[in-house]
């Protein structure tokens, strides 16, 4: 019985790994908010405090903005490789100290 299950698993895994990978483009891509990421783009980060979490510290905010910047730089580099113009800027709401 174990040999049968192992054989069946092996056949299943082999069949799954040999499938052809295709890229699917949906017709609705340009008909909703999912536009091409080209040109000038602004990422506006919003940091929300809730009663279930600790408030965002200045360190948390800067750390998150640094991570977003790293991702934005990677995206802009990939766009340049594809000969697309992409300029991403980040902005966020500055907390007012009371």
Protein backbone atom coordinates (compact mmCIF):
# COMPACT_ATOMS: atom_id res chain seq x y z
CA UNK A 1 0.00 0.00 0.00
CA UNK A 2 2.83 2.39 0.86
CA UNK A 3 4.56 1.66 -2.45
CA UNK A 4 1.32 2.42 -4.26
CA UNK A 5 0.91 5.76 -2.48
CA UNK A 6 4.55 6.70 -3.08
CA UNK A 7 4.22 5.82 -6.77
CA UNK A 8 1.03 7.83 -7.05
CA UNK A 9 2.65 10.80 -5.32
CA UNK A 10 5.69 10.59 -7.61
CA UNK A 11 3.51 10.49 -10.72
CA UNK A 12 1.44 13.42 -9.45
CA UNK A 13 4.51 15.54 -8.64
CA UNK A 14 6.11 14.74 -11.99
CA UNK A 15 2.94 15.67 -13.86
CA UNK A 16 2.61 18.94 -11.95
CA UNK A 17 6.20 19.98 -12.50
CA UNK A 18 6.07 19.50 -16.27
CA UNK A 19 3.18 21.87 -16.90
CA UNK A 20 3.79 24.73 -19.29
CA UNK A 21 3.98 28.12 -17.61
CA UNK A 22 2.15 30.80 -19.51
CA UNK A 23 1.65 34.46 -18.84
CA UNK A 24 -1.97 35.52 -18.60
CA UNK A 25 -3.10 39.04 -19.48
CA UNK A 26 -6.57 39.96 -18.37
CA UNK A 27 -8.68 42.20 -20.56
CA UNK A 28 -9.74 44.30 -17.59
CA UNK A 29 -6.22 45.46 -16.74
CA UNK A 30 -6.57 48.87 -18.36
CA UNK A 31 -10.22 49.23 -17.36
CA UNK A 32 -9.74 49.60 -13.60
CA UNK A 33 -7.21 51.03 -11.16
CA UNK A 34 -4.45 48.60 -12.28
CA UNK A 35 -2.68 50.79 -14.82
CA UNK A 36 0.86 50.47 -16.13
CA UNK A 37 3.43 51.65 -13.63
CA UNK A 38 5.21 54.23 -15.80
CA UNK A 39 6.01 57.92 -15.62
CA UNK A 40 5.88 59.91 -12.40
CA UNK A 41 4.37 58.03 -9.46
CA UNK A 42 3.78 59.12 -5.87
CA UNK A 43 3.57 56.57 -3.06
CA UNK A 44 1.77 58.10 -0.09
CA UNK A 45 2.41 56.15 3.10
CA UNK A 46 -0.20 56.36 5.82
CA UNK A 47 0.72 55.17 9.31
CA UNK A 48 -2.39 54.40 11.34
CA UNK A 49 -2.39 53.88 15.10
CA UNK A 50 -5.08 51.71 16.62
CA UNK A 51 -6.13 50.71 20.09
CA UNK A 52 -4.88 47.17 19.35
CA UNK A 53 -1.29 48.14 18.51
CA UNK A 54 1.46 50.35 19.83
CA UNK A 55 1.75 53.82 18.27
CA UNK A 56 4.22 54.24 15.42
CA UNK A 57 7.52 55.57 16.73
CA UNK A 58 9.71 57.83 14.61
CA UNK A 59 12.12 54.89 14.28
CA UNK A 60 9.31 52.60 13.01
CA UNK A 61 8.25 55.18 10.44
CA UNK A 62 11.80 55.82 9.19
CA UNK A 63 12.53 52.09 9.03
CA UNK A 64 9.38 51.49 6.98
CA UNK A 65 10.15 54.42 4.67
CA UNK A 66 13.68 53.07 4.14
CA UNK A 67 12.25 49.68 3.16
CA UNK A 68 9.80 51.32 0.76
CA UNK A 69 12.67 53.35 -0.75
CA UNK A 70 14.68 50.18 -1.29
CA UNK A 71 11.75 48.60 -3.13
CA UNK A 72 11.14 51.74 -5.18
CA UNK A 73 14.80 51.87 -6.23
CA UNK A 74 14.60 48.25 -7.35
CA UNK A 75 11.42 48.93 -9.36
CA UNK A 76 12.98 51.96 -11.06
CA UNK A 77 16.11 49.94 -11.92
CA UNK A 78 13.96 47.18 -13.43
CA UNK A 79 12.01 49.76 -15.44
CA UNK A 80 15.28 51.18 -16.82
CA UNK A 81 16.33 47.64 -17.87
CA UNK A 82 13.07 47.43 -19.86
CA UNK A 83 13.61 50.91 -21.35
CA UNK A 84 10.66 52.44 -19.45
CA UNK A 85 10.68 55.78 -17.68
CA UNK A 86 9.63 55.45 -14.04
CA UNK A 87 10.15 58.02 -11.32
CA UNK A 88 8.73 57.10 -7.92
CA UNK A 89 8.56 59.55 -5.03
CA UNK A 90 7.39 58.80 -1.51
CA UNK A 91 5.52 61.10 0.81
CA UNK A 92 3.88 60.59 4.17
CA UNK A 93 1.88 62.51 6.70
CA UNK A 94 4.21 64.18 9.19
CA UNK A 95 3.11 63.63 12.77
CA UNK A 96 2.52 66.76 14.77
CA UNK A 97 3.98 66.67 18.26
CA UNK A 98 1.61 67.99 20.89
